[in-house]
Structures are given as structure tokens and as C-alpha cells.
Amino acid sequence: MRLFLILSLTFFLNSCAKEKISYEPTKKSDPYEIYNEAYNAFEKNDFFYASKKFSEAELNFQEPIFSAKSAIMSAYSLYGINFYDEALEKLNDFFINYPADKNIIYAHYLVAIIYFEQIGDEKYDLAPLLKAEEKINFFLKKYPNSEYSIDLKFKKNLVENQFAAKELYIAKYYIKVQKWVPAINRLKYIVENYDKTIFIEEALHRLIEIHYHVGLEDEARKYASLLGYNYNSSEWYKQSYKILNKNYKTPPLAKSNKKDKKILKKIMDRIKFN
């Protein structure tokens, strides 16, 4: 019996040893082939599949420089199909895993662009607008001489115009319901913080209009002086002048100004109540 147990145990161990030998390591995928497959899909605008394959390539590359390249391409592919949350998650992982990679500047630029593209008009959520401003300011402070900074400076101006549009939209609501104090506060905020935007002239005009309406003519004339000094050829100045000078008649527009008026009207129509 004892001999039988020994022989059985020996047979079992030999079997296990042979069984282990029979399993060979799985052949690792070629990351270069995977990357090429991902890139071909990317070229065909199959961004979802491209993103999956770029992520797979990232995991298979041994060299960090190629893994980082795959990671940024995966994030960009997700951005290409407006999978903004997933792209941001990928980019956050990129910042953690590859903080010294040469593409780190582009990654921060892409984050700013993603938030910028989620900005709605003045009626919608303020959060993407605030995030876009935060990320753009971060980039311009950290990488002021980057090749992407010119684009983000332009987008920063658009963000500021959007903030001003939102403030004006709210102010005009208060005007509509005759809540003069909050309307004045909103309009003053535009004058103090967004004086480089296209909405500064209308904000000044509305301040003149409200102050004159409630009997504060001196305040109205103060804002009229400011509007006249800086924008005395604008339509808003002419409208304001008519408020303070009842006999004034607006002269007809020159033909050369009609095109400009149409362009400005399209912008202003965005914030008008029906």
C-alpha cells in the first residue's frame, strides 16, 4: 500500500511537470503592427476603432516615447468623434503617465480646445465656459510662446465675448421685468470687466437708457460721455444721443456702413428676446 502511494505520487508529479512544459508563453502582439492598424483606421476617419487600437499599442510598446505617442493619438481620436469626457480621461492619464513627454504641451492645448468646443450660447450652462477660461489661461501662462498660444489668445477673446453676452442677456431680462438695480449691476460688470468685447457699446447704451428712465439724468449723461468719447460713430451712440436730445434725428447710414451693420445685427440678434 505504501509503495502504491509513492508510485502514484511520483506519476502525478511527473504528469504536472509535463503539463507545465506543454504551455508556452503567449506570443506578444507587435505594437508597430497595431499602431499602423490604428493609424490606417484614423486616416479613414474610423476614430472609435482607431482609439481602441492606439490604446492597445500603448500597452504593448516597451519604449515610453512610443507609448506616449499612442496615448495622445487615442485621446485625439476620441476627441474627433466628440467623446469629450472619454478624451479628457485619456488626457488626464497621459499627464500622470508621461509628464516629461514632448507632447505634453499639445495635450494641455487639446484639453483647452475640448472645453472651448462645449461652450453653448448665452442661454446655456456656465460651467464649460468657466472651464474653457481656466484651461486657456493656464496654457497661456505656462506656454506663452507655444505655437498654439496664438490660437488660444483668439479663443480667449471669444470666451470673453461669450461672458459679456451672458451678462447682457441677464441684464436685458431684468430690464424686461423692470428690475432696474440688478440690470444696472450686470451692465456695470460688463463695462468694468469686458470693455474690449463687442458688447461694451450696447451695455453703455442700456445704462444711459435705464438711468434716464428712472430720472437719474446726470448718471445717464456720464455714461453718454463715455460712449461718445470712445464710440461716437457707432449706432449705439446715435441711439443714446436721441434719448438725451429729443430733437436729434439720426442721419441715414452711408452705403459703405450697411454691410457692417448687417454683420453686427447678426451678432446682436443672438441675445435679443423674441
C-alpha atoms as a PDB file:
ATOM      1  CA  MET A   1       0.000   0.000   0.000  1.00  0.00           C
ATOM      2  CA  ARG A   2       2.792   2.363   0.930  1.00  0.00           C
ATOM      3  CA  LEU A   3       4.645   1.535  -2.310  1.00  0.00           C
ATOM      4  CA  PHE A   4       1.456   2.161  -4.280  1.00  0.00           C
ATOM      5  CA  LEU A   5       1.065   5.638  -2.766  1.00  0.00           C
ATOM      6  CA  ILE A   6       4.674   6.538  -3.553  1.00  0.00           C
ATOM      7  CA  LEU A   7       4.327   5.357  -7.162  1.00  0.00           C
ATOM      8  CA  SER A   8       1.035   7.266  -7.567  1.00  0.00           C
ATOM      9  CA  LEU A   9       2.534  10.491  -6.202  1.00  0.00           C
ATOM     10  CA  THR A  10       5.558  10.155  -8.499  1.00  0.00           C
ATOM     11  CA  PHE A  11       3.294   9.661 -11.511  1.00  0.00           C
ATOM     12  CA  PHE A  12       1.182  12.691 -10.548  1.00  0.00           C
ATOM     13  CA  LEU A  13       4.214  14.966 -10.175  1.00  0.00           C
ATOM     14  CA  ASN A  14       5.680  13.805 -13.487  1.00  0.00           C
ATOM     15  CA  SER A  15       2.352  14.480 -15.168  1.00  0.00           C
ATOM     16  CA  CYS A  16       2.210  18.009 -13.735  1.00  0.00           C
ATOM     17  CA  ALA A  17       5.752  18.699 -14.871  1.00  0.00           C
ATOM     18  CA  LYS A  18       4.972  17.555 -18.415  1.00  0.00           C
ATOM     19  CA  GLU A  19       1.756  19.553 -18.399  1.00  0.00           C
ATOM     20  CA  LYS A  20       3.625  22.706 -17.391  1.00  0.00           C
ATOM     21  CA  ILE A  21       6.160  22.253 -20.135  1.00  0.00           C
ATOM     22  CA  SER A  22       3.387  21.869 -22.686  1.00  0.00           C
ATOM     23  CA  TYR A  23       2.205  25.524 -22.008  1.00  0.00           C
ATOM     24  CA  GLU A  24       4.317  28.056 -23.852  1.00  0.00           C
ATOM     25  CA  PRO A  25       4.147  31.837 -23.214  1.00  0.00           C
ATOM     26  CA  THR A  26       1.657  33.634 -25.427  1.00  0.00           C
ATOM     27  CA  LYS A  27       3.370  35.471 -28.212  1.00  0.00           C
ATOM     28  CA  LYS A  28       3.242  39.216 -27.539  1.00  0.00           C
ATOM     29  CA  SER A  29       1.490  41.355 -30.166  1.00  0.00           C
ATOM     30  CA  ASP A  30       3.679  43.503 -32.368  1.00  0.00           C
ATOM     31  CA  PRO A  31       2.975  47.089 -31.221  1.00  0.00           C
ATOM     32  CA  TYR A  32       4.167  48.534 -34.533  1.00  0.00           C
ATOM     33  CA  GLU A  33       1.599  46.483 -36.438  1.00  0.00           C
ATOM     34  CA  ILE A  34      -1.128  47.525 -34.015  1.00  0.00           C
ATOM     35  CA  TYR A  35      -0.126  51.184 -34.306  1.00  0.00           C
ATOM     36  CA  ASN A  36      -0.180  51.010 -38.105  1.00  0.00           C
ATOM     37  CA  GLU A  37      -3.622  49.389 -37.980  1.00  0.00           C
ATOM     38  CA  ALA A  38      -4.801  52.187 -35.690  1.00  0.00           C
ATOM     39  CA  TYR A  39      -3.325  54.856 -37.920  1.00  0.00           C
ATOM     40  CA  ASN A  40      -4.959  53.395 -41.031  1.00  0.00           C
ATOM     41  CA  ALA A  41      -8.320  53.482 -39.247  1.00  0.00           C
ATOM     42  CA  PHE A  42      -7.589  57.059 -38.174  1.00  0.00           C
ATOM     43  CA  GLU A  43      -6.877  58.064 -41.777  1.00  0.00           C
ATOM     44  CA  LYS A  44     -10.259  56.615 -42.770  1.00  0.00           C
ATOM     45  CA  ASN A  45     -11.989  58.630 -40.015  1.00  0.00           C
ATOM     46  CA  ASP A  46     -12.861  55.445 -38.136  1.00  0.00           C
ATOM     47  CA  PHE A  47     -11.918  57.229 -34.920  1.00  0.00           C
ATOM     48  CA  PHE A  48     -13.579  54.882 -32.439  1.00  0.00           C
ATOM     49  CA  TYR A  49     -11.721  51.815 -33.719  1.00  0.00           C
ATOM     50  CA  ALA A  50      -8.536  53.864 -34.061  1.00  0.00           C
ATOM     51  CA  SER A  51      -8.753  54.896 -30.417  1.00  0.00           C
ATOM     52  CA  LYS A  52      -9.085  51.278 -29.265  1.00  0.00           C
ATOM     53  CA  LYS A  53      -6.088  50.163 -31.335  1.00  0.00           C
ATOM     54  CA  PHE A  54      -3.927  53.119 -30.251  1.00  0.00           C
ATOM     55  CA  SER A  55      -4.681  52.181 -26.623  1.00  0.00           C
ATOM     56  CA  GLU A  56      -3.715  48.595 -27.375  1.00  0.00           C
ATOM     57  CA  ALA A  57      -0.467  49.739 -28.981  1.00  0.00           C
ATOM     58  CA  GLU A  58       0.286  51.861 -25.922  1.00  0.00           C
ATOM     59  CA  LEU A  59       0.090  48.787 -23.671  1.00  0.00           C
ATOM     60  CA  ASN A  60       2.355  46.735 -25.945  1.00  0.00           C
ATOM     61  CA  PHE A  61       5.131  49.229 -26.606  1.00  0.00           C
ATOM     62  CA  GLN A  62       8.225  48.870 -24.414  1.00  0.00           C
ATOM     63  CA  GLU A  63       9.564  52.334 -25.243  1.00  0.00           C
ATOM     64  CA  PRO A  64       7.798  55.121 -23.284  1.00  0.00           C
ATOM     65  CA  ILE A  65       8.125  57.569 -26.181  1.00  0.00           C
ATOM     66  CA  PHE A  66       6.006  55.322 -28.435  1.00  0.00           C
ATOM     67  CA  SER A  67       3.547  54.509 -25.663  1.00  0.00           C
ATOM     68  CA  ALA A  68       3.047  58.235 -25.076  1.00  0.00           C
ATOM     69  CA  LYS A  69       2.532  58.838 -28.803  1.00  0.00           C
ATOM     70  CA  SER A  70      -0.104  56.094 -28.881  1.00  0.00           C
ATOM     71  CA  ALA A  71      -1.844  57.542 -25.830  1.00  0.00           C
ATOM     72  CA  ILE A  72      -2.124  61.043 -27.285  1.00  0.00           C
ATOM     73  CA  MET A  73      -3.412  59.635 -30.583  1.00  0.00           C
ATOM     74  CA  SER A  74      -6.034  57.620 -28.719  1.00  0.00           C
ATOM     75  CA  ALA A  75      -7.210  60.761 -26.901  1.00  0.00           C
ATOM     76  CA  TYR A  76      -7.306  62.751 -30.139  1.00  0.00           C
ATOM     77  CA  SER A  77      -9.337  60.012 -31.841  1.00  0.00           C
ATOM     78  CA  LEU A  78     -11.950  60.214 -29.080  1.00  0.00           C
ATOM     79  CA  TYR A  79     -11.995  63.995 -29.440  1.00  0.00           C
ATOM     80  CA  GLY A  80     -12.557  63.502 -33.174  1.00  0.00           C
ATOM     81  CA  ILE A  81     -15.938  61.861 -32.501  1.00  0.00           C
ATOM     82  CA  ASN A  82     -16.890  64.306 -29.722  1.00  0.00           C
ATOM     83  CA  PHE A  83     -16.361  61.751 -26.935  1.00  0.00           C
ATOM     84  CA  TYR A  84     -15.205  64.641 -24.794  1.00  0.00           C
ATOM     85  CA  ASP A  85     -15.381  63.005 -21.354  1.00  0.00           C
ATOM     86  CA  GLU A  86     -13.514  59.913 -22.551  1.00  0.00           C
ATOM     87  CA  ALA A  87     -10.884  62.066 -24.280  1.00  0.00           C
ATOM     88  CA  LEU A  88     -10.362  64.112 -21.110  1.00  0.00           C
ATOM     89  CA  GLU A  89      -9.977  60.926 -19.086  1.00  0.00           C
ATOM     90  CA  LYS A  90      -7.311  59.714 -21.525  1.00  0.00           C
ATOM     91  CA  LEU A  91      -5.524  63.054 -21.329  1.00  0.00           C
ATOM     92  CA  ASN A  92      -5.555  63.025 -17.535  1.00  0.00           C
ATOM     93  CA  ASP A  93      -3.935  59.569 -17.651  1.00  0.00           C
ATOM     94  CA  PHE A  94      -1.410  60.968 -20.123  1.00  0.00           C
ATOM     95  CA  PHE A  95      -0.413  63.739 -17.691  1.00  0.00           C
ATOM     96  CA  ILE A  96       0.114  61.140 -14.941  1.00  0.00           C
ATOM     97  CA  ASN A  97       1.970  58.529 -17.022  1.00  0.00           C
ATOM     98  CA  TYR A  98       4.048  60.745 -19.339  1.00  0.00           C
ATOM     99  CA  PRO A  99       4.687  64.083 -17.570  1.00  0.00           C
ATOM    100  CA  ALA A 100       8.007  64.615 -19.388  1.00  0.00           C
ATOM    101  CA  ASP A 101       6.838  63.699 -22.879  1.00  0.00           C
ATOM    102  CA  LYS A 102       7.348  66.263 -25.633  1.00  0.00           C
ATOM    103  CA  ASN A 103       3.636  66.126 -26.486  1.00  0.00           C
ATOM    104  CA  ILE A 104       2.606  67.415 -23.051  1.00  0.00           C
ATOM    105  CA  ILE A 105       2.103  70.924 -24.485  1.00  0.00           C
ATOM    106  CA  TYR A 106      -0.238  69.624 -27.159  1.00  0.00           C
ATOM    107  CA  ALA A 107      -2.123  67.582 -24.546  1.00  0.00           C
ATOM    108  CA  HIS A 108      -2.821  70.731 -22.499  1.00  0.00           C
ATOM    109  CA  TYR A 109      -3.849  72.548 -25.687  1.00  0.00           C
ATOM    110  CA  LEU A 110      -6.280  69.737 -26.532  1.00  0.00           C
ATOM    111  CA  VAL A 111      -7.851  69.947 -23.064  1.00  0.00           C
ATOM    112  CA  ALA A 112      -8.485  73.682 -23.582  1.00  0.00           C
ATOM    113  CA  ILE A 113      -9.971  73.041 -27.020  1.00  0.00           C
ATOM    114  CA  ILE A 114     -12.300  70.327 -25.690  1.00  0.00           C
ATOM    115  CA  TYR A 115     -13.757  72.672 -23.079  1.00  0.00           C
ATOM    116  CA  PHE A 116     -13.941  75.521 -25.586  1.00  0.00           C
ATOM    117  CA  GLU A 117     -15.953  73.421 -28.041  1.00  0.00           C
ATOM    118  CA  GLN A 118     -18.527  72.608 -25.362  1.00  0.00           C
ATOM    119  CA  ILE A 119     -19.462  76.251 -24.852  1.00  0.00           C
ATOM    120  CA  GLY A 120     -23.109  76.903 -25.650  1.00  0.00           C
ATOM    121  CA  ASP A 121     -24.693  80.272 -26.308  1.00  0.00           C
ATOM    122  CA  GLU A 122     -25.543  82.748 -23.564  1.00  0.00           C
ATOM    123  CA  LYS A 123     -28.674  80.819 -22.519  1.00  0.00           C
ATOM    124  CA  TYR A 124     -26.826  77.631 -21.588  1.00  0.00           C
ATOM    125  CA  ASP A 125     -24.739  76.229 -18.746  1.00  0.00           C
ATOM    126  CA  LEU A 126     -21.900  78.409 -17.498  1.00  0.00           C
ATOM    127  CA  ALA A 127     -19.635  75.508 -16.419  1.00  0.00           C
ATOM    128  CA  PRO A 128     -17.968  74.771 -19.815  1.00  0.00           C
ATOM    129  CA  LEU A 129     -17.360  78.498 -20.263  1.00  0.00           C
ATOM    130  CA  LEU A 130     -15.632  78.749 -16.889  1.00  0.00           C
ATOM    131  CA  LYS A 131     -13.585  75.601 -17.569  1.00  0.00           C
ATOM    132  CA  ALA A 132     -12.564  76.871 -21.004  1.00  0.00           C
ATOM    133  CA  GLU A 133     -11.415  80.157 -19.493  1.00  0.00           C
ATOM    134  CA  GLU A 134      -9.486  78.339 -16.753  1.00  0.00           C
ATOM    135  CA  LYS A 135      -7.694  75.981 -19.155  1.00  0.00           C
ATOM    136  CA  ILE A 136      -6.925  78.687 -21.712  1.00  0.00           C
ATOM    137  CA  ASN A 137      -5.480  80.980 -19.034  1.00  0.00           C
ATOM    138  CA  PHE A 138      -3.419  78.082 -17.643  1.00  0.00           C
ATOM    139  CA  PHE A 139      -1.981  77.324 -21.076  1.00  0.00           C
ATOM    140  CA  LEU A 140      -1.172  80.948 -21.943  1.00  0.00           C
ATOM    141  CA  LYS A 141       0.567  81.423 -18.603  1.00  0.00           C
ATOM    142  CA  LYS A 142       2.574  78.189 -18.770  1.00  0.00           C
ATOM    143  CA  TYR A 143       3.341  78.136 -22.514  1.00  0.00           C
ATOM    144  CA  PRO A 144       3.110  81.792 -23.701  1.00  0.00           C
ATOM    145  CA  ASN A 145       5.478  81.228 -26.630  1.00  0.00           C
ATOM    146  CA  SER A 146       3.983  77.975 -27.853  1.00  0.00           C
ATOM    147  CA  GLU A 147       2.819  77.615 -31.440  1.00  0.00           C
ATOM    148  CA  TYR A 148      -0.685  77.021 -30.057  1.00  0.00           C
ATOM    149  CA  SER A 149      -0.799  80.217 -27.973  1.00  0.00           C
ATOM    150  CA  ILE A 150      -1.896  82.416 -30.897  1.00  0.00           C
ATOM    151  CA  ASP A 151      -4.977  80.260 -31.436  1.00  0.00           C
ATOM    152  CA  LEU A 152      -5.829  80.234 -27.730  1.00  0.00           C
ATOM    153  CA  LYS A 153      -5.418  84.014 -27.458  1.00  0.00           C
ATOM    154  CA  PHE A 154      -8.018  84.353 -30.176  1.00  0.00           C
ATOM    155  CA  LYS A 155     -10.283  81.864 -28.408  1.00  0.00           C
ATOM    156  CA  LYS A 156      -9.820  83.732 -25.133  1.00  0.00           C
ATOM    157  CA  ASN A 157     -11.300  86.821 -26.807  1.00  0.00           C
ATOM    158  CA  LEU A 158     -14.266  84.728 -27.936  1.00  0.00           C
ATOM    159  CA  VAL A 159     -14.698  83.382 -24.405  1.00  0.00           C
ATOM    160  CA  GLU A 160     -14.713  86.923 -23.002  1.00  0.00           C
ATOM    161  CA  ASN A 161     -17.311  87.943 -25.592  1.00  0.00           C
ATOM    162  CA  GLN A 162     -19.406  84.975 -24.527  1.00  0.00           C
ATOM    163  CA  PHE A 163     -19.180  86.010 -20.867  1.00  0.00           C
ATOM    164  CA  ALA A 164     -20.244  89.528 -21.846  1.00  0.00           C
ATOM    165  CA  ALA A 165     -23.110  88.139 -23.937  1.00  0.00           C
ATOM    166  CA  LYS A 166     -24.330  86.130 -20.962  1.00  0.00           C
ATOM    167  CA  GLU A 167     -24.203  89.175 -18.683  1.00  0.00           C
ATOM    168  CA  LEU A 168     -26.064  91.269 -21.251  1.00  0.00           C
ATOM    169  CA  TYR A 169     -28.658  88.542 -21.744  1.00  0.00           C
ATOM    170  CA  ILE A 170     -29.389  88.529 -17.998  1.00  0.00           C
ATOM    171  CA  ALA A 171     -29.393  92.344 -17.835  1.00  0.00           C
ATOM    172  CA  LYS A 172     -31.933  92.519 -20.637  1.00  0.00           C
ATOM    173  CA  TYR A 173     -34.147  90.067 -18.806  1.00  0.00           C
ATOM    174  CA  TYR A 174     -34.074  92.351 -15.741  1.00  0.00           C
ATOM    175  CA  ILE A 175     -34.872  95.317 -17.987  1.00  0.00           C
ATOM    176  CA  LYS A 176     -37.818  93.416 -19.425  1.00  0.00           C
ATOM    177  CA  VAL A 177     -39.259  92.799 -15.941  1.00  0.00           C
ATOM    178  CA  GLN A 178     -38.300  96.330 -14.822  1.00  0.00           C
ATOM    179  CA  LYS A 179     -35.822  95.276 -12.154  1.00  0.00           C
ATOM    180  CA  TRP A 180     -33.530  98.251 -12.629  1.00  0.00           C
ATOM    181  CA  VAL A 181     -30.938  97.699  -9.882  1.00  0.00           C
ATOM    182  CA  PRO A 182     -29.850  94.157 -10.888  1.00  0.00           C
ATOM    183  CA  ALA A 183     -29.925  95.236 -14.536  1.00  0.00           C
ATOM    184  CA  ILE A 184     -27.593  98.161 -13.775  1.00  0.00           C
ATOM    185  CA  ASN A 185     -25.259  95.889 -11.793  1.00  0.00           C
ATOM    186  CA  ARG A 186     -24.977  93.428 -14.696  1.00  0.00           C
ATOM    187  CA  LEU A 187     -24.336  96.202 -17.197  1.00  0.00           C
ATOM    188  CA  LYS A 188     -21.711  97.834 -14.970  1.00  0.00           C
ATOM    189  CA  TYR A 189     -19.960  94.479 -14.696  1.00  0.00           C
ATOM    190  CA  ILE A 190     -19.654  94.382 -18.495  1.00  0.00           C
ATOM    191  CA  VAL A 191     -18.242  97.930 -18.557  1.00  0.00           C
ATOM    192  CA  GLU A 192     -15.705  97.141 -15.825  1.00  0.00           C
ATOM    193  CA  ASN A 193     -14.624  93.671 -16.944  1.00  0.00           C
ATOM    194  CA  TYR A 194     -15.404  93.235 -20.652  1.00  0.00           C
ATOM    195  CA  ASP A 195     -14.690  96.640 -22.156  1.00  0.00           C
ATOM    196  CA  LYS A 196     -12.776  95.045 -25.061  1.00  0.00           C
ATOM    197  CA  THR A 197     -15.749  92.982 -26.222  1.00  0.00           C
ATOM    198  CA  ILE A 198     -18.293  93.814 -28.919  1.00  0.00           C
ATOM    199  CA  PHE A 199     -20.997  94.200 -26.254  1.00  0.00           C
ATOM    200  CA  ILE A 200     -19.498  97.199 -24.431  1.00  0.00           C
ATOM    201  CA  GLU A 201     -21.327  99.757 -26.594  1.00  0.00           C
ATOM    202  CA  GLU A 202     -24.760  98.265 -26.028  1.00  0.00           C
ATOM    203  CA  ALA A 203     -24.043  97.895 -22.303  1.00  0.00           C
ATOM    204  CA  LEU A 204     -23.258 101.630 -22.096  1.00  0.00           C
ATOM    205  CA  HIS A 205     -26.364 102.478 -24.105  1.00  0.00           C
ATOM    206  CA  ARG A 206     -28.559 100.398 -21.796  1.00  0.00           C
ATOM    207  CA  LEU A 207     -27.071 102.183 -18.765  1.00  0.00           C
ATOM    208  CA  ILE A 208     -27.944 105.531 -20.344  1.00  0.00           C
ATOM    209  CA  GLU A 209     -31.429 104.273 -21.165  1.00  0.00           C
ATOM    210  CA  ILE A 210     -32.156 102.972 -17.639  1.00  0.00           C
ATOM    211  CA  HIS A 211     -30.737 105.946 -15.753  1.00  0.00           C
ATOM    212  CA  TYR A 212     -32.644 108.390 -17.934  1.00  0.00           C
ATOM    213  CA  HIS A 213     -35.837 106.355 -17.490  1.00  0.00           C
ATOM    214  CA  VAL A 214     -35.611 106.415 -13.675  1.00  0.00           C
ATOM    215  CA  GLY A 215     -34.796 110.139 -13.607  1.00  0.00           C
ATOM    216  CA  LEU A 216     -31.029 109.983 -12.984  1.00  0.00           C
ATOM    217  CA  GLU A 217     -30.089 112.222 -15.904  1.00  0.00           C
ATOM    218  CA  ASP A 218     -26.637 113.134 -14.581  1.00  0.00           C
ATOM    219  CA  GLU A 219     -25.694 109.435 -14.425  1.00  0.00           C
ATOM    220  CA  ALA A 220     -27.139 108.938 -17.892  1.00  0.00           C
ATOM    221  CA  ARG A 221     -25.003 111.791 -19.249  1.00  0.00           C
ATOM    222  CA  LYS A 222     -21.914 110.350 -17.544  1.00  0.00           C
ATOM    223  CA  TYR A 223     -22.300 107.095 -19.454  1.00  0.00           C
ATOM    224  CA  ALA A 224     -23.200 109.019 -22.616  1.00  0.00           C
ATOM    225  CA  SER A 225     -19.889 110.903 -22.352  1.00  0.00           C
ATOM    226  CA  LEU A 226     -18.035 107.612 -22.031  1.00  0.00           C
ATOM    227  CA  LEU A 227     -19.870 106.151 -25.010  1.00  0.00           C
ATOM    228  CA  GLY A 228     -19.360 109.307 -27.054  1.00  0.00           C
ATOM    229  CA  TYR A 229     -15.667 109.619 -26.241  1.00  0.00           C
ATOM    230  CA  ASN A 230     -14.869 106.056 -27.279  1.00  0.00           C
ATOM    231  CA  TYR A 231     -17.560 105.158 -29.821  1.00  0.00           C
ATOM    232  CA  ASN A 232     -19.057 108.402 -31.141  1.00  0.00           C
ATOM    233  CA  SER A 233     -19.614 106.979 -34.623  1.00  0.00           C
ATOM    234  CA  SER A 234     -21.489 103.875 -33.518  1.00  0.00           C
ATOM    235  CA  GLU A 235     -25.190 103.151 -33.847  1.00  0.00           C
ATOM    236  CA  TRP A 236     -25.481 102.741 -30.065  1.00  0.00           C
ATOM    237  CA  TYR A 237     -24.119 106.261 -29.555  1.00  0.00           C
ATOM    238  CA  LYS A 238     -26.638 107.662 -32.008  1.00  0.00           C
ATOM    239  CA  GLN A 239     -29.489 105.922 -30.178  1.00  0.00           C
ATOM    240  CA  SER A 240     -28.203 107.211 -26.844  1.00  0.00           C
ATOM    241  CA  TYR A 241     -27.879 110.750 -28.227  1.00  0.00           C
ATOM    242  CA  LYS A 242     -31.524 110.598 -29.281  1.00  0.00           C
ATOM    243  CA  ILE A 243     -32.538 109.766 -25.695  1.00  0.00           C
ATOM    244  CA  LEU A 244     -30.776 112.826 -24.285  1.00  0.00           C
ATOM    245  CA  ASN A 245     -31.590 115.130 -27.220  1.00  0.00           C
ATOM    246  CA  LYS A 246     -35.193 114.654 -28.271  1.00  0.00           C
ATOM    247  CA  ASN A 247     -34.872 116.864 -31.382  1.00  0.00           C
ATOM    248  CA  TYR A 248     -31.983 114.852 -32.772  1.00  0.00           C
ATOM    249  CA  LYS A 249     -32.671 112.903 -35.968  1.00  0.00           C
ATOM    250  CA  THR A 250     -30.385 110.065 -36.918  1.00  0.00           C
ATOM    251  CA  PRO A 251     -28.792 110.716 -40.325  1.00  0.00           C
ATOM    252  CA  PRO A 252     -29.116 107.971 -42.939  1.00  0.00           C
ATOM    253  CA  LEU A 253     -26.308 105.433 -42.981  1.00  0.00           C
ATOM    254  CA  ALA A 254     -23.722 105.687 -45.704  1.00  0.00           C
ATOM    255  CA  LYS A 255     -23.729 102.790 -48.141  1.00  0.00           C
ATOM    256  CA  SER A 256     -20.297 101.686 -47.001  1.00  0.00           C
ATOM    257  CA  ASN A 257     -21.655 101.061 -43.467  1.00  0.00           C
ATOM    258  CA  LYS A 258     -24.621  98.880 -44.435  1.00  0.00           C
ATOM    259  CA  LYS A 259     -22.576  95.694 -44.641  1.00  0.00           C
ATOM    260  CA  ASP A 260     -21.033  96.319 -41.232  1.00  0.00           C
ATOM    261  CA  LYS A 261     -24.482  96.964 -39.803  1.00  0.00           C
ATOM    262  CA  LYS A 262     -25.770  93.622 -41.095  1.00  0.00           C
ATOM    263  CA  ILE A 263     -22.830  91.749 -39.554  1.00  0.00           C
ATOM    264  CA  LEU A 264     -23.330  93.489 -36.204  1.00  0.00           C
ATOM    265  CA  LYS A 265     -27.077  92.802 -36.356  1.00  0.00           C
ATOM    266  CA  LYS A 266     -26.441  89.048 -36.698  1.00  0.00           C
ATOM    267  CA  ILE A 267     -24.311  89.113 -33.574  1.00  0.00           C
ATOM    268  CA  MET A 268     -26.778  91.230 -31.593  1.00  0.00           C
ATOM    269  CA  ASP A 269     -29.760  89.092 -32.646  1.00  0.00           C
ATOM    270  CA  ARG A 270     -28.324  86.233 -30.621  1.00  0.00           C
ATOM    271  CA  ILE A 271     -29.100  87.982 -27.358  1.00  0.00           C
ATOM    272  CA  LYS A 272     -32.428  89.605 -28.162  1.00  0.00           C
ATOM    273  CA  PHE A 273     -35.669  88.416 -26.643  1.00  0.00           C
ATOM    274  CA  ASN A 274     -38.414  87.375 -29.001  1.00  0.00           C
END
